[in-house]
Amino acid sequence: MNTKCSCCSSIEKSTENDLTSYWNKTYNREIQKLGWYEENPEISLKLIEKCKLNKDVSILNVGAGASTLIDELVQLDYKNIIANDLSTNALDKLKERLGKESSKVKWIVDDLTKPTELNHVGKIDLWHDRAVLHFFNEPEEQNHYFELVKKLVKKTGYVIIAAFNLNGAEKCSGLYVFRYNKEMIQKRLGSDFELIEAFDHTYTMPSGDTREYIYTLFQRKS
């Protein structure tokens, strides 16, 4: 099994600790060639549909990158969409693609492990994360991530997390990743969150290579 992701192997970090510069450099590439690019985010949309949310709810898409999910949520007429990423380049590309529709989205550049702006968004109805959590390898980073989830998601709100599963790649975009199963995510969220659905998914990258994910949907108890 090939456990190393070749999606961005030609990209080197500008400095060892400067992840902001790293991801800005990553998003200088053609978006459609990035290893995690989805032309159709159908799995996320199906899970969101299962939540049966009204159009006025607050949806936070963390690590939005240049995700087509934001386009779809706008087209579905959700009124309170928040797009977050560490990379300004990523969000700028997404804004450019949306054009005038970008005014329907709140844009937040922030670090999930050292949040500033995100601390002030108020309670949200849905946290959506595809392919961000697994980049946090250090226990302190993981703790901050899940603390933010618990701080922001309101009672009866939902959490969708998709990360590399235990059979997934050890690296992505040149960075080591931390892999998960549903039990590990449940443990980090705690007993206040009920698992609604979980399944493994084989994602086919633009290059044709495949990557193994775990998708999870949780609801916070009332």
C-alpha atoms as a PDB file:
ATOM      1  CA  MET A   1       0.000   0.000   0.000  1.00  0.00           C
ATOM      2  CA  ASN A   2       1.273   3.445  -0.899  1.00  0.00           C
ATOM      3  CA  THR A   3       0.958   5.467   2.306  1.00  0.00           C
ATOM      4  CA  LYS A   4       2.512   8.692   1.110  1.00  0.00           C
ATOM      5  CA  CYS A   5       0.466  11.304  -0.672  1.00  0.00           C
ATOM      6  CA  SER A   6       2.008  12.643  -3.872  1.00  0.00           C
ATOM      7  CA  CYS A   7      -0.613  15.359  -4.339  1.00  0.00           C
ATOM      8  CA  CYS A   8       1.784  18.214  -3.685  1.00  0.00           C
ATOM      9  CA  SER A   9       5.177  16.539  -3.461  1.00  0.00           C
ATOM     10  CA  SER A  10       6.835  19.319  -5.454  1.00  0.00           C
ATOM     11  CA  ILE A  11       5.975  21.906  -2.811  1.00  0.00           C
ATOM     12  CA  GLU A  12       8.386  22.585   0.038  1.00  0.00           C
ATOM     13  CA  LYS A  13       7.632  24.479   3.201  1.00  0.00           C
ATOM     14  CA  SER A  14       9.058  27.982   3.169  1.00  0.00           C
ATOM     15  CA  THR A  15      10.116  27.549   6.800  1.00  0.00           C
ATOM     16  CA  GLU A  16       9.655  24.683   9.209  1.00  0.00           C
ATOM     17  CA  ASN A  17       7.132  26.453  11.409  1.00  0.00           C
ATOM     18  CA  ASP A  18       5.463  28.838   9.018  1.00  0.00           C
ATOM     19  CA  LEU A  19       2.346  26.919   8.040  1.00  0.00           C
ATOM     20  CA  THR A  20       0.564  30.052   6.901  1.00  0.00           C
ATOM     21  CA  SER A  21       3.197  30.696   4.243  1.00  0.00           C
ATOM     22  CA  TYR A  22       3.227  27.003   3.415  1.00  0.00           C
ATOM     23  CA  TRP A  23      -0.493  26.829   2.694  1.00  0.00           C
ATOM     24  CA  ASN A  24      -0.477  30.152   0.847  1.00  0.00           C
ATOM     25  CA  LYS A  25       2.228  28.708  -1.381  1.00  0.00           C
ATOM     26  CA  THR A  26       0.257  25.498  -1.812  1.00  0.00           C
ATOM     27  CA  TYR A  27      -2.767  27.437  -3.067  1.00  0.00           C
ATOM     28  CA  ASN A  28      -0.697  29.189  -5.703  1.00  0.00           C
ATOM     29  CA  ARG A  29      -1.138  26.006  -7.710  1.00  0.00           C
ATOM     30  CA  GLU A  30      -4.074  25.297 -10.001  1.00  0.00           C
ATOM     31  CA  ILE A  31      -6.903  24.410  -7.616  1.00  0.00           C
ATOM     32  CA  GLN A  32      -8.187  21.502  -9.704  1.00  0.00           C
ATOM     33  CA  LYS A  33      -4.820  19.749  -9.361  1.00  0.00           C
ATOM     34  CA  LEU A  34      -4.702  19.798  -5.571  1.00  0.00           C
ATOM     35  CA  GLY A  35      -4.981  16.322  -4.123  1.00  0.00           C
ATOM     36  CA  TRP A  36      -8.057  17.018  -1.990  1.00  0.00           C
ATOM     37  CA  TYR A  37     -10.025  18.938  -4.650  1.00  0.00           C
ATOM     38  CA  GLU A  38     -13.634  17.780  -5.080  1.00  0.00           C
ATOM     39  CA  GLU A  39     -15.578  18.774  -8.169  1.00  0.00           C
ATOM     40  CA  ASN A  40     -18.750  17.588  -6.448  1.00  0.00           C
ATOM     41  CA  PRO A  41     -18.837  17.449  -2.617  1.00  0.00           C
ATOM     42  CA  GLU A  42     -21.743  15.028  -2.701  1.00  0.00           C
ATOM     43  CA  ILE A  43     -20.917  13.167   0.508  1.00  0.00           C
ATOM     44  CA  SER A  44     -20.782  16.348   2.576  1.00  0.00           C
ATOM     45  CA  LEU A  45     -24.027  17.540   0.993  1.00  0.00           C
ATOM     46  CA  LYS A  46     -25.790  14.268   1.800  1.00  0.00           C
ATOM     47  CA  LEU A  47     -24.695  14.485   5.439  1.00  0.00           C
ATOM     48  CA  ILE A  48     -25.796  18.115   5.652  1.00  0.00           C
ATOM     49  CA  GLU A  49     -29.155  17.175   4.163  1.00  0.00           C
ATOM     50  CA  LYS A  50     -29.521  14.507   6.838  1.00  0.00           C
ATOM     51  CA  CYS A  51     -29.282  17.247   9.485  1.00  0.00           C
ATOM     52  CA  LYS A  52     -32.545  18.780   8.179  1.00  0.00           C
ATOM     53  CA  LEU A  53     -31.394  22.337   8.841  1.00  0.00           C
ATOM     54  CA  ASN A  54     -33.371  25.411   7.903  1.00  0.00           C
ATOM     55  CA  LYS A  55     -31.816  28.009   5.629  1.00  0.00           C
ATOM     56  CA  ASP A  56     -31.092  30.500   8.424  1.00  0.00           C
ATOM     57  CA  VAL A  57     -28.742  28.296  10.428  1.00  0.00           C
ATOM     58  CA  SER A  58     -25.089  29.135  10.970  1.00  0.00           C
ATOM     59  CA  ILE A  59     -22.744  26.823   9.044  1.00  0.00           C
ATOM     60  CA  LEU A  60     -18.994  26.980   9.668  1.00  0.00           C
ATOM     61  CA  ASN A  61     -16.811  25.284   7.062  1.00  0.00           C
ATOM     62  CA  VAL A  62     -13.342  25.075   8.604  1.00  0.00           C
ATOM     63  CA  GLY A  63     -10.372  24.649   6.323  1.00  0.00           C
ATOM     64  CA  ALA A  64     -12.606  25.647   3.443  1.00  0.00           C
ATOM     65  CA  GLY A  65      -9.670  26.155   1.114  1.00  0.00           C
ATOM     66  CA  ALA A  66     -11.139  26.637  -2.336  1.00  0.00           C
ATOM     67  CA  SER A  67     -13.823  24.056  -1.596  1.00  0.00           C
ATOM     68  CA  THR A  68     -16.780  23.725  -3.950  1.00  0.00           C
ATOM     69  CA  LEU A  69     -18.916  23.039  -0.886  1.00  0.00           C
ATOM     70  CA  ILE A  70     -19.201  26.781  -0.296  1.00  0.00           C
ATOM     71  CA  ASP A  71     -20.507  27.256  -3.849  1.00  0.00           C
ATOM     72  CA  GLU A  72     -23.119  24.560  -3.257  1.00  0.00           C
ATOM     73  CA  LEU A  73     -24.264  26.009   0.060  1.00  0.00           C
ATOM     74  CA  VAL A  74     -24.701  29.413  -1.565  1.00  0.00           C
ATOM     75  CA  GLN A  75     -26.722  27.860  -4.376  1.00  0.00           C
ATOM     76  CA  LEU A  76     -28.866  26.050  -1.805  1.00  0.00           C
ATOM     77  CA  ASP A  77     -29.671  29.482  -0.343  1.00  0.00           C
ATOM     78  CA  TYR A  78     -28.210  29.033   3.128  1.00  0.00           C
ATOM     79  CA  LYS A  79     -28.128  32.496   4.687  1.00  0.00           C
ATOM     80  CA  ASN A  80     -25.359  32.283   7.283  1.00  0.00           C
ATOM     81  CA  ILE A  81     -22.284  30.612   5.784  1.00  0.00           C
ATOM     82  CA  ILE A  82     -18.853  31.089   7.368  1.00  0.00           C
ATOM     83  CA  ALA A  83     -15.751  30.038   5.430  1.00  0.00           C
ATOM     84  CA  ASN A  84     -12.525  29.657   7.402  1.00  0.00           C
ATOM     85  CA  ASP A  85      -8.994  28.860   6.323  1.00  0.00           C
ATOM     86  CA  LEU A  86      -5.443  29.577   7.420  1.00  0.00           C
ATOM     87  CA  SER A  87      -4.580  30.599   3.852  1.00  0.00           C
ATOM     88  CA  THR A  88      -5.693  33.953   2.505  1.00  0.00           C
ATOM     89  CA  ASN A  89      -4.741  32.747  -0.974  1.00  0.00           C
ATOM     90  CA  ALA A  90      -7.190  29.878  -0.718  1.00  0.00           C
ATOM     91  CA  LEU A  91     -10.085  32.073   0.345  1.00  0.00           C
ATOM     92  CA  ASP A  92      -9.220  34.695  -2.270  1.00  0.00           C
ATOM     93  CA  LYS A  93      -9.471  32.069  -4.997  1.00  0.00           C
ATOM     94  CA  LEU A  94     -12.811  30.961  -3.618  1.00  0.00           C
ATOM     95  CA  LYS A  95     -14.084  34.538  -3.475  1.00  0.00           C
ATOM     96  CA  GLU A  96     -12.981  35.086  -7.063  1.00  0.00           C
ATOM     97  CA  ARG A  97     -14.827  31.985  -8.221  1.00  0.00           C
ATOM     98  CA  LEU A  98     -18.012  33.016  -6.421  1.00  0.00           C
ATOM     99  CA  GLY A  99     -17.896  36.552  -7.789  1.00  0.00           C
ATOM    100  CA  LYS A 100     -20.815  38.665  -6.545  1.00  0.00           C
ATOM    101  CA  GLU A 101     -22.114  35.701  -4.591  1.00  0.00           C
ATOM    102  CA  SER A 102     -19.105  35.986  -2.278  1.00  0.00           C
ATOM    103  CA  SER A 103     -20.942  38.739  -0.409  1.00  0.00           C
ATOM    104  CA  LYS A 104     -23.247  36.003   0.946  1.00  0.00           C
ATOM    105  CA  VAL A 105     -20.372  34.406   2.854  1.00  0.00           C
ATOM    106  CA  LYS A 106     -18.525  35.553   5.972  1.00  0.00           C
ATOM    107  CA  TRP A 107     -14.776  35.068   5.495  1.00  0.00           C
ATOM    108  CA  ILE A 108     -12.444  34.326   8.406  1.00  0.00           C
ATOM    109  CA  VAL A 109      -8.689  33.757   8.145  1.00  0.00           C
ATOM    110  CA  ASP A 110      -7.732  32.066  11.401  1.00  0.00           C
ATOM    111  CA  ASP A 111      -5.795  29.178  12.924  1.00  0.00           C
ATOM    112  CA  LEU A 112      -8.035  26.488  14.429  1.00  0.00           C
ATOM    113  CA  THR A 113      -5.404  25.669  17.030  1.00  0.00           C
ATOM    114  CA  LYS A 114      -4.821  29.309  18.031  1.00  0.00           C
ATOM    115  CA  PRO A 115      -8.137  30.963  17.208  1.00  0.00           C
ATOM    116  CA  THR A 116      -8.752  34.672  17.527  1.00  0.00           C
ATOM    117  CA  GLU A 117     -11.531  35.681  15.127  1.00  0.00           C
ATOM    118  CA  LEU A 118     -13.290  32.338  15.430  1.00  0.00           C
ATOM    119  CA  ASN A 119     -13.701  32.897  19.157  1.00  0.00           C
ATOM    120  CA  HIS A 120     -16.196  35.636  18.338  1.00  0.00           C
ATOM    121  CA  VAL A 121     -18.471  34.039  15.728  1.00  0.00           C
ATOM    122  CA  GLY A 122     -21.042  33.001  18.326  1.00  0.00           C
ATOM    123  CA  LYS A 123     -22.808  29.659  18.481  1.00  0.00           C
ATOM    124  CA  ILE A 124     -23.082  27.668  15.268  1.00  0.00           C
ATOM    125  CA  ASP A 125     -25.504  24.985  14.083  1.00  0.00           C
ATOM    126  CA  LEU A 126     -23.060  23.002  11.972  1.00  0.00           C
ATOM    127  CA  TRP A 127     -19.292  22.484  12.046  1.00  0.00           C
ATOM    128  CA  HIS A 128     -17.985  21.003   8.782  1.00  0.00           C
ATOM    129  CA  ASP A 129     -14.400  19.795   8.375  1.00  0.00           C
ATOM    130  CA  ARG A 130     -13.141  17.755   5.464  1.00  0.00           C
ATOM    131  CA  ALA A 131      -9.413  17.005   5.560  1.00  0.00           C
ATOM    132  CA  VAL A 132      -8.248  19.487   8.211  1.00  0.00           C
ATOM    133  CA  LEU A 133      -8.230  17.643  11.533  1.00  0.00           C
ATOM    134  CA  HIS A 134      -5.722  15.043  10.381  1.00  0.00           C
ATOM    135  CA  PHE A 135      -3.045  17.728   9.889  1.00  0.00           C
ATOM    136  CA  PHE A 136      -2.893  18.350  13.650  1.00  0.00           C
ATOM    137  CA  ASN A 137      -0.367  15.859  14.981  1.00  0.00           C
ATOM    138  CA  GLU A 138       0.492  17.315  18.369  1.00  0.00           C
ATOM    139  CA  PRO A 139      -1.804  16.594  21.350  1.00  0.00           C
ATOM    140  CA  GLU A 140      -1.936  20.313  22.178  1.00  0.00           C
ATOM    141  CA  GLU A 141      -3.134  21.144  18.650  1.00  0.00           C
ATOM    142  CA  GLN A 142      -5.771  18.425  18.810  1.00  0.00           C
ATOM    143  CA  ASN A 143      -6.929  19.633  22.215  1.00  0.00           C
ATOM    144  CA  HIS A 144      -7.359  23.195  20.934  1.00  0.00           C
ATOM    145  CA  TYR A 145      -9.257  21.957  17.888  1.00  0.00           C
ATOM    146  CA  PHE A 146     -11.798  19.968  19.884  1.00  0.00           C
ATOM    147  CA  GLU A 147     -12.085  22.701  22.517  1.00  0.00           C
ATOM    148  CA  LEU A 148     -13.117  25.073  19.733  1.00  0.00           C
ATOM    149  CA  VAL A 149     -15.700  22.600  18.441  1.00  0.00           C
ATOM    150  CA  LYS A 150     -17.213  22.295  21.892  1.00  0.00           C
ATOM    151  CA  LYS A 151     -17.152  26.043  22.409  1.00  0.00           C
ATOM    152  CA  LEU A 152     -18.898  26.926  19.145  1.00  0.00           C
ATOM    153  CA  VAL A 153     -21.401  24.162  18.404  1.00  0.00           C
ATOM    154  CA  LYS A 154     -24.724  24.853  20.084  1.00  0.00           C
ATOM    155  CA  LYS A 155     -26.904  22.253  21.776  1.00  0.00           C
ATOM    156  CA  THR A 156     -28.612  20.030  19.171  1.00  0.00           C
ATOM    157  CA  GLY A 157     -26.065  21.346  16.627  1.00  0.00           C
ATOM    158  CA  TYR A 158     -24.130  19.052  14.295  1.00  0.00           C
ATOM    159  CA  VAL A 159     -20.504  18.188  13.609  1.00  0.00           C
ATOM    160  CA  ILE A 160     -19.256  16.665  10.352  1.00  0.00           C
ATOM    161  CA  ILE A 161     -15.628  15.561  10.384  1.00  0.00           C
ATOM    162  CA  ALA A 162     -13.893  13.729   7.541  1.00  0.00           C
ATOM    163  CA  ALA A 163     -10.258  12.709   8.037  1.00  0.00           C
ATOM    164  CA  PHE A 164      -7.831  10.067   6.834  1.00  0.00           C
ATOM    165  CA  ASN A 165      -8.805   6.740   8.387  1.00  0.00           C
ATOM    166  CA  LEU A 166      -6.438   4.234   9.957  1.00  0.00           C
ATOM    167  CA  ASN A 167      -5.680   2.739   6.536  1.00  0.00           C
ATOM    168  CA  GLY A 168      -5.123   6.164   5.005  1.00  0.00           C
ATOM    169  CA  ALA A 169      -1.963   7.896   3.851  1.00  0.00           C
ATOM    170  CA  GLU A 170       0.692   8.804   6.413  1.00  0.00           C
ATOM    171  CA  LYS A 171       1.417  12.102   4.654  1.00  0.00           C
ATOM    172  CA  CYS A 172      -0.491  14.633   2.597  1.00  0.00           C
ATOM    173  CA  SER A 173       0.854  17.708   0.848  1.00  0.00           C
ATOM    174  CA  GLY A 174       4.269  16.830   2.217  1.00  0.00           C
ATOM    175  CA  LEU A 175       3.063  16.886   5.839  1.00  0.00           C
ATOM    176  CA  TYR A 176       2.583  14.000   8.235  1.00  0.00           C
ATOM    177  CA  VAL A 177      -1.014  13.376   9.279  1.00  0.00           C
ATOM    178  CA  PHE A 178      -2.755  11.860  12.306  1.00  0.00           C
ATOM    179  CA  ARG A 179      -5.277   9.198  11.287  1.00  0.00           C
ATOM    180  CA  TYR A 180      -8.625   8.427  12.935  1.00  0.00           C
ATOM    181  CA  ASN A 181     -11.484   6.011  13.304  1.00  0.00           C
ATOM    182  CA  LYS A 182     -14.954   6.862  14.585  1.00  0.00           C
ATOM    183  CA  GLU A 183     -14.162   5.774  18.141  1.00  0.00           C
ATOM    184  CA  MET A 184     -11.196   8.136  18.331  1.00  0.00           C
ATOM    185  CA  ILE A 185     -13.256  11.103  17.170  1.00  0.00           C
ATOM    186  CA  GLN A 186     -16.080  10.181  19.536  1.00  0.00           C
ATOM    187  CA  LYS A 187     -13.646  10.037  22.453  1.00  0.00           C
ATOM    188  CA  ARG A 188     -12.296  13.497  21.645  1.00  0.00           C
ATOM    189  CA  LEU A 189     -15.764  15.025  21.319  1.00  0.00           C
ATOM    190  CA  GLY A 190     -17.003  13.359  24.489  1.00  0.00           C
ATOM    191  CA  SER A 191     -20.341  12.065  25.694  1.00  0.00           C
ATOM    192  CA  ASP A 192     -22.154  15.328  24.913  1.00  0.00           C
ATOM    193  CA  PHE A 193     -22.020  14.390  21.215  1.00  0.00           C
ATOM    194  CA  GLU A 194     -23.972  11.463  19.789  1.00  0.00           C
ATOM    195  CA  LEU A 195     -22.693   9.616  16.733  1.00  0.00           C
ATOM    196  CA  ILE A 196     -25.379   9.666  14.040  1.00  0.00           C
ATOM    197  CA  GLU A 197     -23.441   8.085  11.181  1.00  0.00           C
ATOM    198  CA  ALA A 198     -19.918   6.981  10.313  1.00  0.00           C
ATOM    199  CA  PHE A 199     -18.485   5.259   7.262  1.00  0.00           C
ATOM    200  CA  ASP A 200     -15.240   4.761   5.386  1.00  0.00           C
ATOM    201  CA  HIS A 201     -14.884   6.307   1.960  1.00  0.00           C
ATOM    202  CA  THR A 202     -12.303   5.865  -0.786  1.00  0.00           C
ATOM    203  CA  TYR A 203     -11.661   9.229  -2.395  1.00  0.00           C
ATOM    204  CA  THR A 204     -10.169   9.423  -5.877  1.00  0.00           C
ATOM    205  CA  MET A 205      -7.743  12.316  -6.250  1.00  0.00           C
ATOM    206  CA  PRO A 206      -7.457  14.399  -9.442  1.00  0.00           C
ATOM    207  CA  SER A 207      -4.282  12.414 -10.182  1.00  0.00           C
ATOM    208  CA  GLY A 208      -6.253   9.158 -10.113  1.00  0.00           C
ATOM    209  CA  ASP A 209      -4.676   7.944  -6.866  1.00  0.00           C
ATOM    210  CA  THR A 210      -6.999   7.003  -4.005  1.00  0.00           C
ATOM    211  CA  ARG A 211      -7.076   8.007  -0.355  1.00  0.00           C
ATOM    212  CA  GLU A 212      -8.977   6.377   2.506  1.00  0.00           C
ATOM    213  CA  TYR A 213     -11.222   8.602   4.652  1.00  0.00           C
ATOM    214  CA  ILE A 214     -13.513   8.201   7.646  1.00  0.00           C
ATOM    215  CA  TYR A 215     -16.651  10.381   7.516  1.00  0.00           C
ATOM    216  CA  THR A 216     -18.529  11.078  10.742  1.00  0.00           C
ATOM    217  CA  LEU A 217     -21.698  12.929  11.651  1.00  0.00           C
ATOM    218  CA  PHE A 218     -22.395  13.827  15.292  1.00  0.00           C
ATOM    219  CA  GLN A 219     -25.172  15.758  17.011  1.00  0.00           C
ATOM    220  CA  ARG A 220     -24.696  17.594  20.279  1.00  0.00           C
ATOM    221  CA  LYS A 221     -27.184  16.528  22.900  1.00  0.00           C
ATOM    222  CA  SER A 222     -29.776  19.002  24.187  1.00  0.00           C
END
